Amino acid sequence: MVKFTEEKEKLICSFSGRLDSTNCIKWEENLLEKIAEAGTPVVFNLEKVNYIASGFLRICLQASKKVKPENFLIVGACSYTKKVFKISQLDKQLNVK
């Protein structure tokens, strides 16, 4: 699940639960449309996420390309989720904090 808020000229996308391929398919198109329409920096908040799959990594890469990597940030990732980004060598490219 994803919830959208705007804060200080940034689009905050707050996710919750398991971000497996089945769940990601449900909201992926809407998410990428919102990001394209916003035209502002994007923050993915993963504070309430306990699992991510490769499908979510792909979505992160697509989102990052839409707003340029320097305008994309991932915050609130738990140690497990950070490890997935690090193992896939996407932690620096996707600005995982």
PDB file of N, CA and C in Angstrom:
ATOM      1  N   MET A   1       0.835  -1.177   0.000  1.00  0.00           N
ATOM      2  CA  MET A   1       0.000   0.000   0.000  1.00  0.00           C
ATOM      3  C   MET A   1       0.884   1.246   0.000  1.00  0.00           C
ATOM      4  N   VAL A   2       0.416   2.278  -0.662  1.00  0.00           N
ATOM      5  CA  VAL A   2       1.173   3.525  -0.713  1.00  0.00           C
ATOM      6  C   VAL A   2       0.221   4.705  -0.473  1.00  0.00           C
ATOM      7  N   LYS A   3       0.713   5.668   0.309  1.00  0.00           N
ATOM      8  CA  LYS A   3      -0.044   6.874   0.624  1.00  0.00           C
ATOM      9  C   LYS A   3       0.788   8.068   0.165  1.00  0.00           C
ATOM     10  N   PHE A   4       0.140   9.038  -0.482  1.00  0.00           N
ATOM     11  CA  PHE A   4       0.834  10.210  -1.022  1.00  0.00           C
ATOM     12  C   PHE A   4       0.529  11.449  -0.186  1.00  0.00           C
ATOM     13  N   THR A   5       1.584  12.207   0.119  1.00  0.00           N
ATOM     14  CA  THR A   5       1.438  13.511   0.750  1.00  0.00           C
ATOM     15  C   THR A   5       2.466  14.446   0.118  1.00  0.00           C
ATOM     16  N   GLU A   6       2.176  15.732   0.164  1.00  0.00           N
ATOM     17  CA  GLU A   6       3.138  16.726  -0.321  1.00  0.00           C
ATOM     18  C   GLU A   6       3.618  17.531   0.865  1.00  0.00           C
ATOM     19  N   GLU A   7       4.927  17.702   0.944  1.00  0.00           N
ATOM     20  CA  GLU A   7       5.529  18.367   2.085  1.00  0.00           C
ATOM     21  C   GLU A   7       6.777  19.111   1.626  1.00  0.00           C
ATOM     22  N   LYS A   8       6.816  20.412   1.848  1.00  0.00           N
ATOM     23  CA  LYS A   8       7.989  21.225   1.505  1.00  0.00           C
ATOM     24  C   LYS A   8       8.440  20.982   0.067  1.00  0.00           C
ATOM     25  N   GLU A   9       7.491  21.071  -0.849  1.00  0.00           N
ATOM     26  CA  GLU A   9       7.756  20.910  -2.285  1.00  0.00           C
ATOM     27  C   GLU A   9       8.376  19.562  -2.631  1.00  0.00           C
ATOM     28  N   LYS A  10       7.974  18.522  -1.902  1.00  0.00           N
ATOM     29  CA  LYS A  10       8.395  17.153  -2.181  1.00  0.00           C
ATOM     30  C   LYS A  10       7.166  16.262  -2.159  1.00  0.00           C
ATOM     31  N   LEU A  11       7.170  15.252  -3.007  1.00  0.00           N
ATOM     32  CA  LEU A  11       6.131  14.238  -2.981  1.00  0.00           C
ATOM     33  C   LEU A  11       6.625  13.114  -2.080  1.00  0.00           C
ATOM     34  N   ILE A  12       5.924  12.879  -0.977  1.00  0.00           N
ATOM     35  CA  ILE A  12       6.282  11.811  -0.044  1.00  0.00           C
ATOM     36  C   ILE A  12       5.382  10.618  -0.338  1.00  0.00           C
ATOM     37  N   CYS A  13       5.995   9.498  -0.636  1.00  0.00           N
ATOM     38  CA  CYS A  13       5.274   8.255  -0.894  1.00  0.00           C
ATOM     39  C   CYS A  13       5.565   7.328   0.273  1.00  0.00           C
ATOM     40  N   SER A  14       4.567   7.143   1.135  1.00  0.00           N
ATOM     41  CA  SER A  14       4.739   6.317   2.332  1.00  0.00           C
ATOM     42  C   SER A  14       4.165   4.929   2.075  1.00  0.00           C
ATOM     43  N   PHE A  15       5.001   3.932   2.222  1.00  0.00           N
ATOM     44  CA  PHE A  15       4.620   2.549   1.948  1.00  0.00           C
ATOM     45  C   PHE A  15       4.426   1.798   3.256  1.00  0.00           C
ATOM     46  N   SER A  16       3.642   0.710   3.188  1.00  0.00           N
ATOM     47  CA  SER A  16       3.463  -0.122   4.375  1.00  0.00           C
ATOM     48  C   SER A  16       3.279  -1.583   3.967  1.00  0.00           C
ATOM     49  N   GLY A  17       3.628  -2.455   4.905  1.00  0.00           N
ATOM     50  CA  GLY A  17       3.444  -3.892   4.687  1.00  0.00           C
ATOM     51  C   GLY A  17       4.535  -4.518   3.845  1.00  0.00           C
ATOM     52  N   ARG A  18       4.154  -5.584   3.152  1.00  0.00           N
ATOM     53  CA  ARG A  18       5.068  -6.319   2.278  1.00  0.00           C
ATOM     54  C   ARG A  18       5.015  -5.731   0.873  1.00  0.00           C
ATOM     55  N   LEU A  19       6.170  -5.396   0.343  1.00  0.00           N
ATOM     56  CA  LEU A  19       6.246  -4.870  -1.023  1.00  0.00           C
ATOM     57  C   LEU A  19       6.740  -5.979  -1.939  1.00  0.00           C
ATOM     58  N   ASP A  20       5.925  -7.028  -2.032  1.00  0.00           N
ATOM     59  CA  ASP A  20       6.260  -8.132  -2.927  1.00  0.00           C
ATOM     60  C   ASP A  20       5.669  -7.842  -4.310  1.00  0.00           C
ATOM     61  N   SER A  21       5.983  -8.683  -5.263  1.00  0.00           N
ATOM     62  CA  SER A  21       5.570  -8.441  -6.655  1.00  0.00           C
ATOM     63  C   SER A  21       4.063  -8.333  -6.796  1.00  0.00           C
ATOM     64  N   THR A  22       3.314  -9.160  -6.099  1.00  0.00           N
ATOM     65  CA  THR A  22       1.855  -9.138  -6.194  1.00  0.00           C
ATOM     66  C   THR A  22       1.291  -7.811  -5.721  1.00  0.00           C
ATOM     67  N   ASN A  23       1.776  -7.315  -4.588  1.00  0.00           N
ATOM     68  CA  ASN A  23       1.287  -6.042  -4.063  1.00  0.00           C
ATOM     69  C   ASN A  23       1.722  -4.861  -4.924  1.00  0.00           C
ATOM     70  N   CYS A  24       2.933  -4.894  -5.416  1.00  0.00           N
ATOM     71  CA  CYS A  24       3.459  -3.784  -6.218  1.00  0.00           C
ATOM     72  C   CYS A  24       2.662  -3.585  -7.504  1.00  0.00           C
ATOM     73  N   ILE A  25       2.234  -4.675  -8.105  1.00  0.00           N
ATOM     74  CA  ILE A  25       1.476  -4.592  -9.361  1.00  0.00           C
ATOM     75  C   ILE A  25       0.194  -3.785  -9.174  1.00  0.00           C
ATOM     76  N   LYS A  26      -0.400  -3.847  -7.998  1.00  0.00           N
ATOM     77  CA  LYS A  26      -1.681  -3.190  -7.722  1.00  0.00           C
ATOM     78  C   LYS A  26      -1.599  -1.670  -7.809  1.00  0.00           C
ATOM     79  N   TRP A  27      -0.473  -1.084  -7.416  1.00  0.00           N
ATOM     80  CA  TRP A  27      -0.383   0.376  -7.362  1.00  0.00           C
ATOM     81  C   TRP A  27       0.764   0.973  -8.168  1.00  0.00           C
ATOM     82  N   GLU A  28       1.535   0.159  -8.854  1.00  0.00           N
ATOM     83  CA  GLU A  28       2.711   0.645  -9.580  1.00  0.00           C
ATOM     84  C   GLU A  28       2.362   1.730 -10.601  1.00  0.00           C
ATOM     85  N   GLU A  29       1.379   1.485 -11.441  1.00  0.00           N
ATOM     86  CA  GLU A  29       1.034   2.440 -12.498  1.00  0.00           C
ATOM     87  C   GLU A  29       0.607   3.780 -11.907  1.00  0.00           C
ATOM     88  N   ASN A  30      -0.246   3.746 -10.896  1.00  0.00           N
ATOM     89  CA  ASN A  30      -0.702   4.971 -10.246  1.00  0.00           C
ATOM     90  C   ASN A  30       0.469   5.726  -9.616  1.00  0.00           C
ATOM     91  N   LEU A  31       1.363   5.017  -8.968  1.00  0.00           N
ATOM     92  CA  LEU A  31       2.536   5.631  -8.337  1.00  0.00           C
ATOM     93  C   LEU A  31       3.392   6.362  -9.366  1.00  0.00           C
ATOM     94  N   LEU A  32       3.714   5.702 -10.451  1.00  0.00           N
ATOM     95  CA  LEU A  32       4.585   6.313 -11.465  1.00  0.00           C
ATOM     96  C   LEU A  32       3.906   7.499 -12.147  1.00  0.00           C
ATOM     97  N   GLU A  33       2.576   7.450 -12.302  1.00  0.00           N
ATOM     98  CA  GLU A  33       1.841   8.591 -12.855  1.00  0.00           C
ATOM     99  C   GLU A  33       1.902   9.781 -11.904  1.00  0.00           C
ATOM    100  N   LYS A  34       1.686   9.535 -10.611  1.00  0.00           N
ATOM    101  CA  LYS A  34       1.759  10.606  -9.611  1.00  0.00           C
ATOM    102  C   LYS A  34       3.131  11.273  -9.613  1.00  0.00           C
ATOM    103  N   ILE A  35       4.172  10.460  -9.701  1.00  0.00           N
ATOM    104  CA  ILE A  35       5.534  10.983  -9.700  1.00  0.00           C
ATOM    105  C   ILE A  35       5.772  11.851 -10.931  1.00  0.00           C
ATOM    106  N   ALA A  36       5.322  11.386 -12.084  1.00  0.00           N
ATOM    107  CA  ALA A  36       5.496  12.149 -13.328  1.00  0.00           C
ATOM    108  C   ALA A  36       4.729  13.470 -13.266  1.00  0.00           C
ATOM    109  N   GLU A  37       3.528  13.451 -12.720  1.00  0.00           N
ATOM    110  CA  GLU A  37       2.696  14.659 -12.622  1.00  0.00           C
ATOM    111  C   GLU A  37       3.255  15.669 -11.626  1.00  0.00           C
ATOM    112  N   ALA A  38       3.832  15.174 -10.539  1.00  0.00           N
ATOM    113  CA  ALA A  38       4.286  16.050  -9.459  1.00  0.00           C
ATOM    114  C   ALA A  38       5.397  16.993  -9.907  1.00  0.00           C
ATOM    115  N   GLY A  39       6.357  16.476 -10.650  1.00  0.00           N
ATOM    116  CA  GLY A  39       7.462  17.308 -11.110  1.00  0.00           C
ATOM    117  C   GLY A  39       8.316  17.867  -9.979  1.00  0.00           C
ATOM    118  N   THR A  40       8.274  17.225  -8.819  1.00  0.00           N
ATOM    119  CA  THR A  40       9.051  17.670  -7.661  1.00  0.00           C
ATOM    120  C   THR A  40       9.934  16.518  -7.188  1.00  0.00           C
ATOM    121  N   PRO A  41      10.880  16.804  -6.295  1.00  0.00           N
ATOM    122  CA  PRO A  41      11.645  15.705  -5.713  1.00  0.00           C
ATOM    123  C   PRO A  41      10.712  14.696  -5.029  1.00  0.00           C
ATOM    124  N   VAL A  42      11.140  13.444  -4.998  1.00  0.00           N
ATOM    125  CA  VAL A  42      10.325  12.359  -4.459  1.00  0.00           C
ATOM    126  C   VAL A  42      11.061  11.658  -3.327  1.00  0.00           C
ATOM    127  N   VAL A  43      10.327  11.386  -2.251  1.00  0.00           N
ATOM    128  CA  VAL A  43      10.854  10.644  -1.113  1.00  0.00           C
ATOM    129  C   VAL A  43      10.003   9.399  -0.926  1.00  0.00           C
ATOM    130  N   PHE A  44      10.643   8.237  -0.895  1.00  0.00           N
ATOM    131  CA  PHE A  44       9.976   6.985  -0.563  1.00  0.00           C
ATOM    132  C   PHE A  44      10.233   6.725   0.915  1.00  0.00           C
ATOM    133  N   ASN A  45       9.167   6.727   1.712  1.00  0.00           N
ATOM    134  CA  ASN A  45       9.272   6.468   3.144  1.00  0.00           C
ATOM    135  C   ASN A  45       8.938   4.996   3.382  1.00  0.00           C
ATOM    136  N   LEU A  46       9.906   4.232   3.893  1.00  0.00           N
ATOM    137  CA  LEU A  46       9.735   2.799   4.102  1.00  0.00           C
ATOM    138  C   LEU A  46       9.647   2.426   5.587  1.00  0.00           C
ATOM    139  N   GLU A  47       9.286   3.364   6.441  1.00  0.00           N
ATOM    140  CA  GLU A  47       9.239   3.112   7.885  1.00  0.00           C
ATOM    141  C   GLU A  47       8.335   1.934   8.247  1.00  0.00           C
ATOM    142  N   LYS A  48       7.255   1.737   7.511  1.00  0.00           N
ATOM    143  CA  LYS A  48       6.280   0.693   7.855  1.00  0.00           C
ATOM    144  C   LYS A  48       6.373  -0.516   6.929  1.00  0.00           C
ATOM    145  N   VAL A  49       7.532  -0.690   6.303  1.00  0.00           N
ATOM    146  CA  VAL A  49       7.743  -1.799   5.369  1.00  0.00           C
ATOM    147  C   VAL A  49       8.607  -2.860   6.037  1.00  0.00           C
ATOM    148  N   ASN A  50       8.191  -4.121   5.896  1.00  0.00           N
ATOM    149  CA  ASN A  50       8.969  -5.200   6.500  1.00  0.00           C
ATOM    150  C   ASN A  50       9.552  -6.169   5.473  1.00  0.00           C
ATOM    151  N   TYR A  51       9.258  -5.944   4.193  1.00  0.00           N
ATOM    152  CA  TYR A  51       9.770  -6.845   3.148  1.00  0.00           C
ATOM    153  C   TYR A  51       9.718  -6.129   1.804  1.00  0.00           C
ATOM    154  N   ILE A  52      10.778  -6.270   1.014  1.00  0.00           N
ATOM    155  CA  ILE A  52      10.747  -5.772  -0.363  1.00  0.00           C
ATOM    156  C   ILE A  52      11.236  -6.874  -1.296  1.00  0.00           C
ATOM    157  N   ALA A  53      10.659  -6.892  -2.487  1.00  0.00           N
ATOM    158  CA  ALA A  53      11.041  -7.859  -3.518  1.00  0.00           C
ATOM    159  C   ALA A  53      11.700  -7.113  -4.667  1.00  0.00           C
ATOM    160  N   SER A  54      12.233  -7.864  -5.603  1.00  0.00           N
ATOM    161  CA  SER A  54      12.917  -7.266  -6.748  1.00  0.00           C
ATOM    162  C   SER A  54      11.989  -6.356  -7.556  1.00  0.00           C
ATOM    163  N   GLY A  55      10.700  -6.660  -7.558  1.00  0.00           N
ATOM    164  CA  GLY A  55       9.739  -5.798  -8.266  1.00  0.00           C
ATOM    165  C   GLY A  55       9.726  -4.390  -7.705  1.00  0.00           C
ATOM    166  N   PHE A  56       9.888  -4.260  -6.395  1.00  0.00           N
ATOM    167  CA  PHE A  56       9.934  -2.936  -5.787  1.00  0.00           C
ATOM    168  C   PHE A  56      11.235  -2.223  -6.142  1.00  0.00           C
ATOM    169  N   LEU A  57      12.326  -2.952  -6.232  1.00  0.00           N
ATOM    170  CA  LEU A  57      13.598  -2.343  -6.647  1.00  0.00           C
ATOM    171  C   LEU A  57      13.464  -1.752  -8.048  1.00  0.00           C
ATOM    172  N   ARG A  58      12.784  -2.481  -8.915  1.00  0.00           N
ATOM    173  CA  ARG A  58      12.557  -2.001 -10.285  1.00  0.00           C
ATOM    174  C   ARG A  58      11.739  -0.710 -10.268  1.00  0.00           C
ATOM    175  N   ILE A  59      10.706  -0.667  -9.427  1.00  0.00           N
ATOM    176  CA  ILE A  59       9.877   0.535  -9.311  1.00  0.00           C
ATOM    177  C   ILE A  59      10.719   1.709  -8.813  1.00  0.00           C
ATOM    178  N   CYS A  60      11.595   1.456  -7.851  1.00  0.00           N
ATOM    179  CA  CYS A  60      12.480   2.513  -7.339  1.00  0.00           C
ATOM    180  C   CYS A  60      13.361   3.073  -8.454  1.00  0.00           C
ATOM    181  N   LEU A  61      13.905   2.200  -9.273  1.00  0.00           N
ATOM    182  CA  LEU A  61      14.750   2.644 -10.390  1.00  0.00           C
ATOM    183  C   LEU A  61      13.951   3.477 -11.384  1.00  0.00           C
ATOM    184  N   GLN A  62      12.734   3.050 -11.691  1.00  0.00           N
ATOM    185  CA  GLN A  62      11.892   3.807 -12.620  1.00  0.00           C
ATOM    186  C   GLN A  62      11.560   5.183 -12.048  1.00  0.00           C
ATOM    187  N   ALA A  63      11.210   5.226 -10.780  1.00  0.00           N
ATOM    188  CA  ALA A  63      10.875   6.500 -10.134  1.00  0.00           C
ATOM    189  C   ALA A  63      12.079   7.434 -10.127  1.00  0.00           C
ATOM    190  N   SER A  64      13.229   6.884  -9.816  1.00  0.00           N
ATOM    191  CA  SER A  64      14.458   7.677  -9.786  1.00  0.00           C
ATOM    192  C   SER A  64      14.760   8.298 -11.145  1.00  0.00           C
ATOM    193  N   LYS A  65      14.533   7.546 -12.199  1.00  0.00           N
ATOM    194  CA  LYS A  65      14.787   8.058 -13.550  1.00  0.00           C
ATOM    195  C   LYS A  65      13.796   9.153 -13.934  1.00  0.00           C
ATOM    196  N   LYS A  66      12.564   9.061 -13.446  1.00  0.00           N
ATOM    197  CA  LYS A  66      11.547  10.068 -13.776  1.00  0.00           C
ATOM    198  C   LYS A  66      11.879  11.440 -13.183  1.00  0.00           C
ATOM    199  N   VAL A  67      12.497  11.460 -12.001  1.00  0.00           N
ATOM    200  CA  VAL A  67      12.775  12.737 -11.335  1.00  0.00           C
ATOM    201  C   VAL A  67      14.252  13.083 -11.291  1.00  0.00           C
ATOM    202  N   LYS A  68      15.086  12.280 -11.878  1.00  0.00           N
ATOM    203  CA  LYS A  68      16.542  12.383 -11.828  1.00  0.00           C
ATOM    204  C   LYS A  68      17.026  11.875 -10.474  1.00  0.00           C
ATOM    205  N   PRO A  69      18.069  11.080 -10.471  1.00  0.00           N
ATOM    206  CA  PRO A  69      18.544  10.449  -9.231  1.00  0.00           C
ATOM    207  C   PRO A  69      18.801  11.415  -8.068  1.00  0.00           C
ATOM    208  N   GLU A  70      19.257  12.607  -8.342  1.00  0.00           N
ATOM    209  CA  GLU A  70      19.549  13.540  -7.249  1.00  0.00           C
ATOM    210  C   GLU A  70      18.281  14.067  -6.577  1.00  0.00           C
ATOM    211  N   ASN A  71      17.121  13.859  -7.202  1.00  0.00           N
ATOM    212  CA  ASN A  71      15.835  14.289  -6.635  1.00  0.00           C
ATOM    213  C   ASN A  71      15.038  13.123  -6.064  1.00  0.00           C
ATOM    214  N   PHE A  72      15.693  12.005  -5.827  1.00  0.00           N
ATOM    215  CA  PHE A  72      15.030  10.806  -5.323  1.00  0.00           C
ATOM    216  C   PHE A  72      15.735  10.340  -4.051  1.00  0.00           C
ATOM    217  N   LEU A  73      14.946  10.023  -3.023  1.00  0.00           N
ATOM    218  CA  LEU A  73      15.502   9.644  -1.728  1.00  0.00           C
ATOM    219  C   LEU A  73      14.640   8.552  -1.101  1.00  0.00           C
ATOM    220  N   ILE A  74      15.278   7.590  -0.453  1.00  0.00           N
ATOM    221  CA  ILE A  74      14.577   6.547   0.290  1.00  0.00           C
ATOM    222  C   ILE A  74      14.953   6.703   1.753  1.00  0.00           C
ATOM    223  N   VAL A  75      13.942   6.834   2.613  1.00  0.00           N
ATOM    224  CA  VAL A  75      14.179   7.024   4.047  1.00  0.00           C
ATOM    225  C   VAL A  75      13.412   5.971   4.850  1.00  0.00           C
ATOM    226  N   GLY A  76      13.837   5.800   6.097  1.00  0.00           N
ATOM    227  CA  GLY A  76      13.118   4.954   7.036  1.00  0.00           C
ATOM    228  C   GLY A  76      13.240   3.463   6.814  1.00  0.00           C
ATOM    229  N   ALA A  77      14.192   3.039   6.010  1.00  0.00           N
ATOM    230  CA  ALA A  77      14.343   1.607   5.731  1.00  0.00           C
ATOM    231  C   ALA A  77      14.898   0.884   6.957  1.00  0.00           C
ATOM    232  N   CYS A  78      14.318  -0.269   7.265  1.00  0.00           N
ATOM    233  CA  CYS A  78      14.834  -1.088   8.371  1.00  0.00           C
ATOM    234  C   CYS A  78      16.134  -1.762   7.922  1.00  0.00           C
ATOM    235  N   SER A  79      16.811  -2.392   8.851  1.00  0.00           N
ATOM    236  CA  SER A  79      18.117  -2.984   8.531  1.00  0.00           C
ATOM    237  C   SER A  79      18.007  -4.052   7.436  1.00  0.00           C
ATOM    238  N   TYR A  80      16.943  -4.851   7.457  1.00  0.00           N
ATOM    239  CA  TYR A  80      16.757  -5.879   6.423  1.00  0.00           C
ATOM    240  C   TYR A  80      16.609  -5.235   5.043  1.00  0.00           C
ATOM    241  N   THR A  81      15.770  -4.224   4.968  1.00  0.00           N
ATOM    242  CA  THR A  81      15.515  -3.557   3.693  1.00  0.00           C
ATOM    243  C   THR A  81      16.775  -2.861   3.189  1.00  0.00           C
ATOM    244  N   LYS A  82      17.503  -2.204   4.083  1.00  0.00           N
ATOM    245  CA  LYS A  82      18.769  -1.571   3.686  1.00  0.00           C
ATOM    246  C   LYS A  82      19.738  -2.609   3.129  1.00  0.00           C
ATOM    247  N   LYS A  83      19.740  -3.781   3.729  1.00  0.00           N
ATOM    248  CA  LYS A  83      20.632  -4.845   3.280  1.00  0.00           C
ATOM    249  C   LYS A  83      20.291  -5.278   1.856  1.00  0.00           C
ATOM    250  N   VAL A  84      18.998  -5.344   1.527  1.00  0.00           N
ATOM    251  CA  VAL A  84      18.579  -5.708   0.167  1.00  0.00           C
ATOM    252  C   VAL A  84      19.095  -4.683  -0.834  1.00  0.00           C
ATOM    253  N   PHE A  85      18.966  -3.387  -0.503  1.00  0.00           N
ATOM    254  CA  PHE A  85      19.479  -2.348  -1.392  1.00  0.00           C
ATOM    255  C   PHE A  85      21.002  -2.446  -1.527  1.00  0.00           C
ATOM    256  N   LYS A  86      21.673  -2.726  -0.429  1.00  0.00           N
ATOM    257  CA  LYS A  86      23.134  -2.807  -0.455  1.00  0.00           C
ATOM    258  C   LYS A  86      23.610  -4.012  -1.268  1.00  0.00           C
ATOM    259  N   ILE A  87      23.003  -5.178  -1.064  1.00  0.00           N
ATOM    260  CA  ILE A  87      23.388  -6.380  -1.799  1.00  0.00           C
ATOM    261  C   ILE A  87      23.171  -6.190  -3.295  1.00  0.00           C
ATOM    262  N   SER A  88      22.100  -5.505  -3.656  1.00  0.00           N
ATOM    263  CA  SER A  88      21.817  -5.262  -5.075  1.00  0.00           C
ATOM    264  C   SER A  88      22.636  -4.100  -5.630  1.00  0.00           C
ATOM    265  N   GLN A  89      23.447  -3.489  -4.766  1.00  0.00           N
ATOM    266  CA  GLN A  89      24.308  -2.354  -5.114  1.00  0.00           C
ATOM    267  C   GLN A  89      23.516  -1.149  -5.617  1.00  0.00           C
ATOM    268  N   LEU A  90      22.329  -0.959  -5.045  1.00  0.00           N
ATOM    269  CA  LEU A  90      21.485   0.176  -5.405  1.00  0.00           C
ATOM    270  C   LEU A  90      21.385   1.203  -4.278  1.00  0.00           C
ATOM    271  N   ASP A  91      22.017   0.946  -3.149  1.00  0.00           N
ATOM    272  CA  ASP A  91      21.888   1.818  -2.000  1.00  0.00           C
ATOM    273  C   ASP A  91      22.382   3.236  -2.275  1.00  0.00           C
ATOM    274  N   LYS A  92      23.471   3.377  -2.970  1.00  0.00           N
ATOM    275  CA  LYS A  92      23.997   4.715  -3.276  1.00  0.00           C
ATOM    276  C   LYS A  92      23.258   5.344  -4.453  1.00  0.00           C
ATOM    277  N   GLN A  93      22.993   4.566  -5.484  1.00  0.00           N
ATOM    278  CA  GLN A  93      22.295   5.068  -6.669  1.00  0.00           C
ATOM    279  C   GLN A  93      20.906   5.591  -6.312  1.00  0.00           C
ATOM    280  N   LEU A  94      20.231   4.934  -5.367  1.00  0.00           N
ATOM    281  CA  LEU A  94      18.871   5.336  -4.999  1.00  0.00           C
ATOM    282  C   LEU A  94      18.831   6.188  -3.735  1.00  0.00           C
ATOM    283  N   ASN A  95      19.977   6.630  -3.257  1.00  0.00           N
ATOM    284  CA  ASN A  95      20.051   7.507  -2.091  1.00  0.00           C
ATOM    285  C   ASN A  95      19.295   6.952  -0.890  1.00  0.00           C
ATOM    286  N   VAL A  96      19.649   5.750  -0.466  1.00  0.00           N
ATOM    287  CA  VAL A  96      19.005   5.105   0.677  1.00  0.00           C
ATOM    288  C   VAL A  96      19.618   5.667   1.948  1.00  0.00           C
ATOM    289  N   LYS A  97      18.792   6.252   2.789  1.00  0.00           N
ATOM    290  CA  LYS A  97      19.256   6.856   4.063  1.00  0.00           C
ATOM    291  C   LYS A  97      18.684   6.089   5.226  1.00  0.00           C
TER     292      LYS A  97
END
